[in-house]
Every structure is written in structure tokens, then in C-alpha cells.
Amino acid sequence: NFDIVVVGIGNSDMQASIFTTLMLKEMGVEHVVCKVSSNKHA
């Protein structure tokens, strides 16, 4: 129900960041903003 969801998980846990982002989009979150540590991560 939120306008924006920010994934601010620490840089040391890229796997958690990836999984959470995928889960949010599958749940139907409209706008997801993610903190990243590298171009590969992005």
C-alpha cells in the first residue's frame, strides 16, 4: 500500500538485497528504490 519502498539493506548482504527486491516486485509493490554497492549489483 506504500507509494515507495526503499531497500536499504547493507552492502555486505547482496543476496538479501536481491531476494527482497524480487519479492517486493512479485508482491506488486509499485515503486521500489534500492541501495546498491556496485554496477553489477545495480
Full PDB file with SEQRES, HELIX, SHEET, SSBOND, CRYST1, ORIGX, SCALE, CONECT and MASTER records, all heavy atoms in Angstrom:
SEQRES   1 A   42  ASN PHE ASP ILE VAL VAL VAL GLY ILE GLY ASN SER ASP          
SEQRES   2 A   42  MET GLN ALA SER ILE PHE THR THR LEU MET LEU LYS GLU          
SEQRES   3 A   42  MET GLY VAL GLU HIS VAL VAL CYS LYS VAL SER SER ASN          
SEQRES   4 A   42  LYS HIS ALA                                                  
HELIX    1 AA1 MET A   14  MET A   27  1                                  14    
SHEET    1 AA1 2 VAL A   5  VAL A   7  0                                        
SHEET    2 AA1 2 VAL A  32  CYS A  34  1                                        
CRYST1    1.000    1.000    1.000  90.00  90.00  90.00 P 1           1          
ORIGX1      1.000000  0.000000  0.000000        0.00000                         
ORIGX2      0.000000  1.000000  0.000000        0.00000                         
ORIGX3      0.000000  0.000000  1.000000        0.00000                         
SCALE1      1.000000  0.000000  0.000000        0.00000                         
SCALE2      0.000000  1.000000  0.000000        0.00000                         
SCALE3      0.000000  0.000000  1.000000        0.00000                         
ATOM      1  N   ASN A   1       0.810  -1.220   0.000  1.00  0.00           N  
ATOM      2  CA  ASN A   1       0.000   0.000   0.000  1.00  0.00           C  
ATOM      3  C   ASN A   1       0.844   1.272   0.000  1.00  0.00           C  
ATOM      4  O   ASN A   1       0.293   2.374  -0.093  1.00  0.00           O  
ATOM      5  CB  ASN A   1      -0.933   0.017   1.216  1.00  0.00           C  
ATOM      6  CG  ASN A   1      -1.913  -1.143   1.213  1.00  0.00           C  
ATOM      7  OD1 ASN A   1      -2.424  -1.530   0.162  1.00  0.00           O  
ATOM      8  ND2 ASN A   1      -2.155  -1.721   2.382  1.00  0.00           N  
ATOM      9  N   PHE A   2       2.172   1.122   0.125  1.00  0.00           N  
ATOM     10  CA  PHE A   2       3.037   2.290   0.199  1.00  0.00           C  
ATOM     11  C   PHE A   2       3.345   2.825  -1.198  1.00  0.00           C  
ATOM     12  O   PHE A   2       3.421   2.069  -2.166  1.00  0.00           O  
ATOM     13  CB  PHE A   2       4.346   1.947   0.922  1.00  0.00           C  
ATOM     14  CG  PHE A   2       4.204   1.876   2.419  1.00  0.00           C  
ATOM     15  CD1 PHE A   2       3.627   0.775   3.025  1.00  0.00           C  
ATOM     16  CD2 PHE A   2       4.619   2.925   3.218  1.00  0.00           C  
ATOM     17  CE1 PHE A   2       3.472   0.709   4.399  1.00  0.00           C  
ATOM     18  CE2 PHE A   2       4.483   2.875   4.591  1.00  0.00           C  
ATOM     19  CZ  PHE A   2       3.899   1.757   5.188  1.00  0.00           C  
ATOM     20  N   ASP A   3       3.535   4.143  -1.288  1.00  0.00           N  
ATOM     21  CA  ASP A   3       3.879   4.767  -2.572  1.00  0.00           C  
ATOM     22  C   ASP A   3       5.276   4.348  -3.028  1.00  0.00           C  
ATOM     23  O   ASP A   3       5.519   4.133  -4.216  1.00  0.00           O  
ATOM     24  CB  ASP A   3       3.824   6.294  -2.443  1.00  0.00           C  
ATOM     25  CG  ASP A   3       2.442   6.790  -2.083  1.00  0.00           C  
ATOM     26  OD1 ASP A   3       1.484   6.435  -2.796  1.00  0.00           O  
ATOM     27  OD2 ASP A   3       2.307   7.520  -1.080  1.00  0.00           O  
ATOM     28  N   ILE A   4       6.196   4.257  -2.073  1.00  0.00           N  
ATOM     29  CA  ILE A   4       7.586   3.902  -2.370  1.00  0.00           C  
ATOM     30  C   ILE A   4       8.089   2.961  -1.284  1.00  0.00           C  
ATOM     31  O   ILE A   4       7.843   3.187  -0.098  1.00  0.00           O  
ATOM     32  CB  ILE A   4       8.495   5.150  -2.416  1.00  0.00           C  
ATOM     33  CG1 ILE A   4       8.007   6.144  -3.475  1.00  0.00           C  
ATOM     34  CG2 ILE A   4       9.950   4.761  -2.694  1.00  0.00           C  
ATOM     35  CD1 ILE A   4       8.724   7.498  -3.422  1.00  0.00           C  
ATOM     36  N   VAL A   5       8.807   1.914  -1.681  1.00  0.00           N  
ATOM     37  CA  VAL A   5       9.501   1.052  -0.729  1.00  0.00           C  
ATOM     38  C   VAL A   5      10.988   1.100  -1.058  1.00  0.00           C  
ATOM     39  O   VAL A   5      11.388   0.858  -2.199  1.00  0.00           O  
ATOM     40  CB  VAL A   5       8.991  -0.401  -0.785  1.00  0.00           C  
ATOM     41  CG1 VAL A   5       9.798  -1.270   0.174  1.00  0.00           C  
ATOM     42  CG2 VAL A   5       7.502  -0.463  -0.434  1.00  0.00           C  
ATOM     43  N   VAL A   6      11.793   1.431  -0.060  1.00  0.00           N  
ATOM     44  CA  VAL A   6      13.239   1.541  -0.232  1.00  0.00           C  
ATOM     45  C   VAL A   6      13.908   0.313   0.379  1.00  0.00           C  
ATOM     46  O   VAL A   6      13.679  -0.016   1.544  1.00  0.00           O  
ATOM     47  CB  VAL A   6      13.784   2.811   0.453  1.00  0.00           C  
ATOM     48  CG1 VAL A   6      15.305   2.895   0.289  1.00  0.00           C  
ATOM     49  CG2 VAL A   6      13.112   4.052  -0.110  1.00  0.00           C  
ATOM     50  N   VAL A   7      14.728  -0.361  -0.416  1.00  0.00           N  
ATOM     51  CA  VAL A   7      15.511  -1.494   0.080  1.00  0.00           C  
ATOM     52  C   VAL A   7      16.889  -0.950   0.459  1.00  0.00           C  
ATOM     53  O   VAL A   7      17.728  -0.694  -0.395  1.00  0.00           O  
ATOM     54  CB  VAL A   7      15.632  -2.605  -0.985  1.00  0.00           C  
ATOM     55  CG1 VAL A   7      16.459  -3.772  -0.439  1.00  0.00           C  
ATOM     56  CG2 VAL A   7      14.249  -3.085  -1.406  1.00  0.00           C  
ATOM     57  N   GLY A   8      17.092  -0.752   1.755  1.00  0.00           N  
ATOM     58  CA  GLY A   8      18.339  -0.153   2.230  1.00  0.00           C  
ATOM     59  C   GLY A   8      19.239  -1.148   2.926  1.00  0.00           C  
ATOM     60  O   GLY A   8      20.014  -0.777   3.811  1.00  0.00           O  
ATOM     61  N   ILE A   9      19.144  -2.420   2.554  1.00  0.00           N  
ATOM     62  CA  ILE A   9      19.928  -3.483   3.192  1.00  0.00           C  
ATOM     63  C   ILE A   9      21.415  -3.239   2.950  1.00  0.00           C  
ATOM     64  O   ILE A   9      21.823  -2.790   1.881  1.00  0.00           O  
ATOM     65  CB  ILE A   9      19.507  -4.860   2.641  1.00  0.00           C  
ATOM     66  CG1 ILE A   9      18.036  -5.124   2.989  1.00  0.00           C  
ATOM     67  CG2 ILE A   9      20.384  -5.967   3.209  1.00  0.00           C  
ATOM     68  CD1 ILE A   9      17.464  -6.360   2.330  1.00  0.00           C  
ATOM     69  N   GLY A  10      22.226  -3.566   3.965  1.00  0.00           N  
ATOM     70  CA  GLY A  10      23.656  -3.292   3.929  1.00  0.00           C  
ATOM     71  C   GLY A  10      24.382  -3.907   2.742  1.00  0.00           C  
ATOM     72  O   GLY A  10      23.974  -4.943   2.204  1.00  0.00           O  
ATOM     73  N   ASN A  11      25.484  -3.277   2.361  1.00  0.00           N  
ATOM     74  CA  ASN A  11      26.258  -3.723   1.200  1.00  0.00           C  
ATOM     75  C   ASN A  11      26.838  -5.125   1.378  1.00  0.00           C  
ATOM     76  O   ASN A  11      27.157  -5.800   0.407  1.00  0.00           O  
ATOM     77  CB  ASN A  11      27.398  -2.742   0.928  1.00  0.00           C  
ATOM     78  CG  ASN A  11      26.882  -1.381   0.488  1.00  0.00           C  
ATOM     79  OD1 ASN A  11      25.751  -1.264   0.035  1.00  0.00           O  
ATOM     80  ND2 ASN A  11      27.707  -0.361   0.644  1.00  0.00           N  
ATOM     81  N   SER A  12      26.998  -5.565   2.619  1.00  0.00           N  
ATOM     82  CA  SER A  12      27.612  -6.869   2.878  1.00  0.00           C  
ATOM     83  C   SER A  12      26.677  -8.035   2.577  1.00  0.00           C  
ATOM     84  O   SER A  12      27.103  -9.187   2.568  1.00  0.00           O  
ATOM     85  CB  SER A  12      28.076  -6.949   4.339  1.00  0.00           C  
ATOM     86  OG  SER A  12      26.966  -6.800   5.209  1.00  0.00           O  
ATOM     87  N   ASP A  13      25.403  -7.754   2.341  1.00  0.00           N  
ATOM     88  CA  ASP A  13      24.432  -8.827   2.112  1.00  0.00           C  
ATOM     89  C   ASP A  13      23.694  -8.607   0.799  1.00  0.00           C  
ATOM     90  O   ASP A  13      22.507  -8.291   0.775  1.00  0.00           O  
ATOM     91  CB  ASP A  13      23.445  -8.895   3.279  1.00  0.00           C  
ATOM     92  CG  ASP A  13      22.740 -10.247   3.362  1.00  0.00           C  
ATOM     93  OD1 ASP A  13      22.827 -11.011   2.374  1.00  0.00           O  
ATOM     94  OD2 ASP A  13      22.116 -10.530   4.389  1.00  0.00           O  
ATOM     95  N   MET A  14      24.411  -8.771  -0.309  1.00  0.00           N  
ATOM     96  CA  MET A  14      23.816  -8.558  -1.625  1.00  0.00           C  
ATOM     97  C   MET A  14      22.705  -9.565  -1.902  1.00  0.00           C  
ATOM     98  O   MET A  14      21.702  -9.235  -2.529  1.00  0.00           O  
ATOM     99  CB  MET A  14      24.887  -8.649  -2.717  1.00  0.00           C  
ATOM    100  CG  MET A  14      24.363  -8.257  -4.096  1.00  0.00           C  
ATOM    101  SD  MET A  14      25.575  -8.496  -5.430  1.00  0.00           S  
ATOM    102  CE  MET A  14      26.882  -7.399  -4.922  1.00  0.00           C  
ATOM    103  N   GLN A  15      22.872 -10.785  -1.422  1.00  0.00           N  
ATOM    104  CA  GLN A  15      21.864 -11.814  -1.648  1.00  0.00           C  
ATOM    105  C   GLN A  15      20.524 -11.409  -1.033  1.00  0.00           C  
ATOM    106  O   GLN A  15      19.469 -11.580  -1.655  1.00  0.00           O  
ATOM    107  CB  GLN A  15      22.324 -13.144  -1.063  1.00  0.00           C  
ATOM    108  CG  GLN A  15      21.337 -14.291  -1.308  1.00  0.00           C  
ATOM    109  CD  GLN A  15      21.852 -15.625  -0.785  1.00  0.00           C  
ATOM    110  OE1 GLN A  15      23.005 -15.748  -0.405  1.00  0.00           O  
ATOM    111  NE2 GLN A  15      20.986 -16.623  -0.773  1.00  0.00           N  
ATOM    112  N   ALA A  16      20.572 -10.845   0.176  1.00  0.00           N  
ATOM    113  CA  ALA A  16      19.341 -10.405   0.836  1.00  0.00           C  
ATOM    114  C   ALA A  16      18.701  -9.258   0.069  1.00  0.00           C  
ATOM    115  O   ALA A  16      17.477  -9.188  -0.068  1.00  0.00           O  
ATOM    116  CB  ALA A  16      19.647  -9.974   2.270  1.00  0.00           C  
ATOM    117  N   SER A  17      19.528  -8.367  -0.448  1.00  0.00           N  
ATOM    118  CA  SER A  17      19.032  -7.238  -1.231  1.00  0.00           C  
ATOM    119  C   SER A  17      18.325  -7.724  -2.493  1.00  0.00           C  
ATOM    120  O   SER A  17      17.239  -7.246  -2.838  1.00  0.00           O  
ATOM    121  CB  SER A  17      20.202  -6.311  -1.598  1.00  0.00           C  
ATOM    122  OG  SER A  17      19.811  -5.343  -2.534  1.00  0.00           O  
ATOM    123  N   ILE A  18      18.936  -8.692  -3.176  1.00  0.00           N  
ATOM    124  CA  ILE A  18      18.367  -9.229  -4.410  1.00  0.00           C  
ATOM    125  C   ILE A  18      17.050  -9.949  -4.125  1.00  0.00           C  
ATOM    126  O   ILE A  18      16.045  -9.734  -4.810  1.00  0.00           O  
ATOM    127  CB  ILE A  18      19.374 -10.184  -5.089  1.00  0.00           C  
ATOM    128  CG1 ILE A  18      20.594  -9.397  -5.596  1.00  0.00           C  
ATOM    129  CG2 ILE A  18      18.726 -10.965  -6.225  1.00  0.00           C  
ATOM    130  CD1 ILE A  18      21.748 -10.263  -6.045  1.00  0.00           C  
ATOM    131  N   PHE A  19      17.052 -10.803  -3.107  1.00  0.00           N  
ATOM    132  CA  PHE A  19      15.854 -11.567  -2.778  1.00  0.00           C  
ATOM    133  C   PHE A  19      14.705 -10.641  -2.371  1.00  0.00           C  
ATOM    134  O   PHE A  19      13.557 -10.826  -2.802  1.00  0.00           O  
ATOM    135  CB  PHE A  19      16.151 -12.551  -1.646  1.00  0.00           C  
ATOM    136  CG  PHE A  19      14.954 -13.352  -1.217  1.00  0.00           C  
ATOM    137  CD1 PHE A  19      14.532 -14.444  -1.956  1.00  0.00           C  
ATOM    138  CD2 PHE A  19      14.241 -13.001  -0.080  1.00  0.00           C  
ATOM    139  CE1 PHE A  19      13.412 -15.177  -1.572  1.00  0.00           C  
ATOM    140  CE2 PHE A  19      13.123 -13.720   0.310  1.00  0.00           C  
ATOM    141  CZ  PHE A  19      12.703 -14.814  -0.432  1.00  0.00           C  
ATOM    142  N   THR A  20      15.004  -9.650  -1.562  1.00  0.00           N  
ATOM    143  CA  THR A  20      13.958  -8.728  -1.085  1.00  0.00           C  
ATOM    144  C   THR A  20      13.373  -7.926  -2.236  1.00  0.00           C  
ATOM    145  O   THR A  20      12.157  -7.737  -2.324  1.00  0.00           O  
ATOM    146  CB  THR A  20      14.533  -7.777  -0.015  1.00  0.00           C  
ATOM    147  OG1 THR A  20      15.077  -8.552   1.057  1.00  0.00           O  
ATOM    148  CG2 THR A  20      13.450  -6.858   0.525  1.00  0.00           C  
ATOM    149  N   THR A  21      14.216  -7.469  -3.145  1.00  0.00           N  
ATOM    150  CA  THR A  21      13.739  -6.706  -4.307  1.00  0.00           C  
ATOM    151  C   THR A  21      12.819  -7.554  -5.168  1.00  0.00           C  
ATOM    152  O   THR A  21      11.739  -7.120  -5.585  1.00  0.00           O  
ATOM    153  CB  THR A  21      14.931  -6.214  -5.144  1.00  0.00           C  
ATOM    154  OG1 THR A  21      15.775  -5.396  -4.325  1.00  0.00           O  
ATOM    155  CG2 THR A  21      14.459  -5.410  -6.350  1.00  0.00           C  
ATOM    156  N   LEU A  22      13.242  -8.787  -5.456  1.00  0.00           N  
ATOM    157  CA  LEU A  22      12.423  -9.693  -6.255  1.00  0.00           C  
ATOM    158  C   LEU A  22      11.077  -9.954  -5.576  1.00  0.00           C  
ATOM    159  O   LEU A  22      10.021  -9.915  -6.219  1.00  0.00           O  
ATOM    160  CB  LEU A  22      13.167 -11.010  -6.469  1.00  0.00           C  
ATOM    161  CG  LEU A  22      12.404 -12.116  -7.217  1.00  0.00           C  
ATOM    162  CD1 LEU A  22      12.041 -11.656  -8.618  1.00  0.00           C  
ATOM    163  CD2 LEU A  22      13.239 -13.391  -7.261  1.00  0.00           C  
ATOM    164  N   MET A  23      11.113 -10.183  -4.284  1.00  0.00           N  
ATOM    165  CA  MET A  23       9.897 -10.462  -3.528  1.00  0.00           C  
ATOM    166  C   MET A  23       8.934  -9.280  -3.568  1.00  0.00           C  
ATOM    167  O   MET A  23       7.728  -9.449  -3.772  1.00  0.00           O  
ATOM    168  CB  MET A  23      10.262 -10.796  -2.079  1.00  0.00           C  
ATOM    169  CG  MET A  23       9.081 -11.127  -1.186  1.00  0.00           C  
ATOM    170  SD  MET A  23       9.636 -11.666   0.456  1.00  0.00           S  
ATOM    171  CE  MET A  23      10.572 -10.219   1.009  1.00  0.00           C  
ATOM    172  N   LEU A  24       9.463  -8.070  -3.410  1.00  0.00           N  
ATOM    173  CA  LEU A  24       8.611  -6.878  -3.420  1.00  0.00           C  
ATOM    174  C   LEU A  24       7.918  -6.698  -4.769  1.00  0.00           C  
ATOM    175  O   LEU A  24       6.736  -6.356  -4.831  1.00  0.00           O  
ATOM    176  CB  LEU A  24       9.443  -5.642  -3.082  1.00  0.00           C  
ATOM    177  CG  LEU A  24       9.949  -5.538  -1.644  1.00  0.00           C  
ATOM    178  CD1 LEU A  24      10.943  -4.397  -1.521  1.00  0.00           C  
ATOM    179  CD2 LEU A  24       8.794  -5.343  -0.661  1.00  0.00           C  
ATOM    180  N   LYS A  25       8.661  -6.906  -5.852  1.00  0.00           N  
ATOM    181  CA  LYS A  25       8.057  -6.738  -7.179  1.00  0.00           C  
ATOM    182  C   LYS A  25       7.023  -7.833  -7.445  1.00  0.00           C  
ATOM    183  O   LYS A  25       5.984  -7.573  -8.059  1.00  0.00           O  
ATOM    184  CB  LYS A  25       9.123  -6.731  -8.258  1.00  0.00           C  
ATOM    185  CG  LYS A  25      10.101  -5.555  -8.183  1.00  0.00           C  
ATOM    186  CD  LYS A  25       9.406  -4.201  -8.085  1.00  0.00           C  
ATOM    187  CE  LYS A  25       8.630  -3.825  -9.328  1.00  0.00           C  
ATOM    188  NZ  LYS A  25       8.064  -2.455  -9.238  1.00  0.00           N  
ATOM    189  N   GLU A  26       7.285  -9.052  -6.987  1.00  0.00           N  
ATOM    190  CA  GLU A  26       6.313 -10.130  -7.156  1.00  0.00           C  
ATOM    191  C   GLU A  26       5.054  -9.877  -6.327  1.00  0.00           C  
ATOM    192  O   GLU A  26       3.957 -10.310  -6.692  1.00  0.00           O  
ATOM    193  CB  GLU A  26       6.944 -11.471  -6.770  1.00  0.00           C  
ATOM    194  CG  GLU A  26       7.979 -11.960  -7.767  1.00  0.00           C  
ATOM    195  CD  GLU A  26       8.556 -13.311  -7.387  1.00  0.00           C  
ATOM    196  OE1 GLU A  26       8.438 -13.696  -6.194  1.00  0.00           O  
ATOM    197  OE2 GLU A  26       9.120 -13.984  -8.272  1.00  0.00           O  
ATOM    198  N   MET A  27       5.214  -9.162  -5.211  1.00  0.00           N  
ATOM    199  CA  MET A  27       4.068  -8.821  -4.360  1.00  0.00           C  
ATOM    200  C   MET A  27       3.225  -7.703  -4.973  1.00  0.00           C  
ATOM    201  O   MET A  27       2.100  -7.460  -4.540  1.00  0.00           O  
ATOM    202  CB  MET A  27       4.562  -8.397  -2.970  1.00  0.00           C  
ATOM    203  CG  MET A  27       5.123  -9.536  -2.143  1.00  0.00           C  
ATOM    204  SD  MET A  27       6.095  -8.950  -0.702  1.00  0.00           S  
ATOM    205  CE  MET A  27       4.884  -7.978   0.156  1.00  0.00           C  
ATOM    206  N   GLY A  28       3.803  -7.001  -5.954  1.00  0.00           N  
ATOM    207  CA  GLY A  28       3.067  -5.934  -6.614  1.00  0.00           C  
ATOM    208  C   GLY A  28       3.359  -4.538  -6.104  1.00  0.00           C  
ATOM    209  O   GLY A  28       2.585  -3.611  -6.362  1.00  0.00           O  
ATOM    210  N   VAL A  29       4.476  -4.368  -5.381  1.00  0.00           N  
ATOM    211  CA  VAL A  29       4.847  -3.026  -4.916  1.00  0.00           C  
ATOM    212  C   VAL A  29       5.119  -2.146  -6.138  1.00  0.00           C  
ATOM    213  O   VAL A  29       5.893  -2.527  -7.030  1.00  0.00           O  
ATOM    214  CB  VAL A  29       6.080  -3.081  -4.000  1.00  0.00           C  
ATOM    215  CG1 VAL A  29       6.527  -1.668  -3.622  1.00  0.00           C  
ATOM    216  CG2 VAL A  29       5.762  -3.889  -2.742  1.00  0.00           C  
ATOM    217  N   GLU A  30       4.505  -0.975  -6.165  1.00  0.00           N  
ATOM    218  CA  GLU A  30       4.536  -0.147  -7.371  1.00  0.00           C  
ATOM    219  C   GLU A  30       5.899   0.464  -7.648  1.00  0.00           C  
ATOM    220  O   GLU A  30       6.380   0.470  -8.777  1.00  0.00           O  
ATOM    221  CB  GLU A  30       3.486   0.962  -7.254  1.00  0.00           C  
ATOM    222  CG  GLU A  30       3.384   1.838  -8.485  1.00  0.00           C  
ATOM    223  CD  GLU A  30       2.268   2.854  -8.388  1.00  0.00           C  
ATOM    224  OE1 GLU A  30       1.467   2.774  -7.447  1.00  0.00           O  
ATOM    225  OE2 GLU A  30       2.211   3.743  -9.254  1.00  0.00           O  
ATOM    226  N   HIS A  31       6.555   0.992  -6.612  1.00  0.00           N  
ATOM    227  CA  HIS A  31       7.816   1.712  -6.840  1.00  0.00           C  
ATOM    228  C   HIS A  31       8.850   1.263  -5.812  1.00  0.00           C  
ATOM    229  O   HIS A  31       8.715   1.532  -4.626  1.00  0.00           O  
ATOM    230  CB  HIS A  31       7.591   3.221  -6.735  1.00  0.00           C  
ATOM    231  CG  HIS A  31       8.692   4.034  -7.329  1.00  0.00           C  
ATOM    232  ND1 HIS A  31       8.744   4.381  -8.658  1.00  0.00           N  
ATOM    233  CD2 HIS A  31       9.824   4.551  -6.773  1.00  0.00           C  
ATOM    234  CE1 HIS A  31       9.840   5.091  -8.892  1.00  0.00           C  
ATOM    235  NE2 HIS A  31      10.507   5.202  -7.767  1.00  0.00           N  
ATOM    236  N   VAL A  32       9.889   0.580  -6.280  1.00  0.00           N  
ATOM    237  CA  VAL A  32      10.931   0.051  -5.406  1.00  0.00           C  
ATOM    238  C   VAL A  32      12.257   0.744  -5.710  1.00  0.00           C  
ATOM    239  O   VAL A  32      12.719   0.741  -6.854  1.00  0.00           O  
ATOM    240  CB  VAL A  32      11.091  -1.476  -5.582  1.00  0.00           C  
ATOM    241  CG1 VAL A  32      12.230  -1.993  -4.709  1.00  0.00           C  
ATOM    242  CG2 VAL A  32       9.790  -2.193  -5.253  1.00  0.00           C  
ATOM    243  N   VAL A  33      12.851   1.341  -4.694  1.00  0.00           N  
ATOM    244  CA  VAL A  33      14.146   2.011  -4.811  1.00  0.00           C  
ATOM    245  C   VAL A  33      15.158   1.208  -4.007  1.00  0.00           C  
ATOM    246  O   VAL A  33      14.899   0.848  -2.849  1.00  0.00           O  
ATOM    247  CB  VAL A  33      14.086   3.453  -4.276  1.00  0.00           C  
ATOM    248  CG1 VAL A  33      15.455   4.120  -4.361  1.00  0.00           C  
ATOM    249  CG2 VAL A  33      13.052   4.265  -5.038  1.00  0.00           C  
ATOM    250  N   CYS A  34      16.311   0.906  -4.598  1.00  0.00           N  
ATOM    251  CA  CYS A  34      17.285   0.030  -3.947  1.00  0.00           C  
ATOM    252  C   CYS A  34      18.654   0.689  -3.787  1.00  0.00           C  
ATOM    253  O   CYS A  34      19.175   1.292  -4.721  1.00  0.00           O  
ATOM    254  CB  CYS A  34      17.462  -1.259  -4.752  1.00  0.00           C  
ATOM    255  SG  CYS A  34      15.938  -2.181  -5.007  1.00  0.00           S  
ATOM    256  N   LYS A  35      19.200   0.526  -2.605  1.00  0.00           N  
ATOM    257  CA  LYS A  35      20.586   0.924  -2.361  1.00  0.00           C  
ATOM    258  C   LYS A  35      21.498  -0.149  -2.957  1.00  0.00           C  
ATOM    259  O   LYS A  35      21.279  -1.347  -2.738  1.00  0.00           O  
ATOM    260  CB  LYS A  35      20.832   1.037  -0.858  1.00  0.00           C  
ATOM    261  CG  LYS A  35      22.283   1.224  -0.461  1.00  0.00           C  
ATOM    262  CD  LYS A  35      22.438   1.090   1.040  1.00  0.00           C  
ATOM    263  CE  LYS A  35      23.911   1.101   1.437  1.00  0.00           C  
ATOM    264  NZ  LYS A  35      24.101   0.871   2.879  1.00  0.00           N  
ATOM    265  N   VAL A  36      22.502   0.267  -3.718  1.00  0.00           N  
ATOM    266  CA  VAL A  36      23.422  -0.700  -4.329  1.00  0.00           C  
ATOM    267  C   VAL A  36      24.866  -0.316  -4.034  1.00  0.00           C  
ATOM    268  O   VAL A  36      25.170   0.828  -3.686  1.00  0.00           O  
ATOM    269  CB  VAL A  36      23.209  -0.803  -5.856  1.00  0.00           C  
ATOM    270  CG1 VAL A  36      21.818  -1.304  -6.167  1.00  0.00           C  
ATOM    271  CG2 VAL A  36      23.466   0.532  -6.546  1.00  0.00           C  
ATOM    272  N   SER A  37      25.746  -1.310  -4.185  1.00  0.00           N  
ATOM    273  CA  SER A  37      27.161  -1.090  -3.880  1.00  0.00           C  
ATOM    274  C   SER A  37      28.060  -1.158  -5.107  1.00  0.00           C  
ATOM    275  O   SER A  37      29.236  -0.822  -5.025  1.00  0.00           O  
ATOM    276  CB  SER A  37      27.625  -2.124  -2.858  1.00  0.00           C  
ATOM    277  OG  SER A  37      27.379  -3.444  -3.336  1.00  0.00           O  
ATOM    278  N   SER A  38      27.509  -1.627  -6.239  1.00  0.00           N  
ATOM    279  CA  SER A  38      28.335  -1.771  -7.440  1.00  0.00           C  
ATOM    280  C   SER A  38      27.455  -1.765  -8.673  1.00  0.00           C  
ATOM    281  O   SER A  38      26.230  -1.919  -8.586  1.00  0.00           O  
ATOM    282  CB  SER A  38      29.125  -3.083  -7.386  1.00  0.00           C  
ATOM    283  OG  SER A  38      28.237  -4.195  -7.452  1.00  0.00           O  
ATOM    284  N   ASN A  39      28.076  -1.594  -9.831  1.00  0.00           N  
ATOM    285  CA  ASN A  39      27.333  -1.638 -11.085  1.00  0.00           C  
ATOM    286  C   ASN A  39      26.717  -3.017 -11.318  1.00  0.00           C  
ATOM    287  O   ASN A  39      25.606  -3.133 -11.851  1.00  0.00           O  
ATOM    288  CB  ASN A  39      28.262  -1.282 -12.258  1.00  0.00           C  
ATOM    289  CG  ASN A  39      28.649   0.184 -12.257  1.00  0.00           C  
ATOM    290  OD1 ASN A  39      27.920   1.015 -11.740  1.00  0.00           O  
ATOM    291  ND2 ASN A  39      29.803   0.493 -12.827  1.00  0.00           N  
ATOM    292  N   LYS A  40      27.426  -4.068 -10.924  1.00  0.00           N  
ATOM    293  CA  LYS A  40      26.902  -5.429 -11.061  1.00  0.00           C  
ATOM    294  C   LYS A  40      25.635  -5.586 -10.225  1.00  0.00           C  
ATOM    295  O   LYS A  40      24.627  -6.123 -10.695  1.00  0.00           O  
ATOM    296  CB  LYS A  40      27.962  -6.443 -10.626  1.00  0.00           C  
ATOM    297  CG  LYS A  40      27.482  -7.885 -10.685  1.00  0.00           C  
ATOM    298  CD  LYS A  40      28.570  -8.832 -10.208  1.00  0.00           C  
ATOM    299  CE  LYS A  40      28.074 -10.279 -10.218  1.00  0.00           C  
ATOM    300  NZ  LYS A  40      29.141 -11.211  -9.723  1.00  0.00           N  
ATOM    301  N   HIS A  41      25.701  -5.127  -8.997  1.00  0.00           N  
ATOM    302  CA  HIS A  41      24.539  -5.167  -8.091  1.00  0.00           C  
ATOM    303  C   HIS A  41      23.371  -4.401  -8.713  1.00  0.00           C  
ATOM    304  O   HIS A  41      22.230  -4.881  -8.719  1.00  0.00           O  
ATOM    305  CB  HIS A  41      24.956  -4.556  -6.753  1.00  0.00           C  
ATOM    306  CG  HIS A  41      23.946  -4.713  -5.659  1.00  0.00           C  
ATOM    307  ND1 HIS A  41      24.099  -4.104  -4.423  1.00  0.00           N  
ATOM    308  CD2 HIS A  41      22.757  -5.375  -5.593  1.00  0.00           C  
ATOM    309  CE1 HIS A  41      23.074  -4.411  -3.663  1.00  0.00           C  
ATOM    310  NE2 HIS A  41      22.233  -5.181  -4.345  1.00  0.00           N  
ATOM    311  N   ALA A  42      23.645  -3.230  -9.255  1.00  0.00           N  
ATOM    312  CA  ALA A  42      22.595  -2.399  -9.853  1.00  0.00           C  
ATOM    313  C   ALA A  42      21.960  -3.096 -11.054  1.00  0.00           C  
ATOM    314  O   ALA A  42      20.736  -3.096 -11.204  1.00  0.00           O  
ATOM    315  CB  ALA A  42      23.182  -1.055 -10.276  1.00  0.00           C  
TER     316      ALA A  42                                                      
MASTER        0    0    0    1    2    0    0    6  315    1    0    4          
END                                                                             
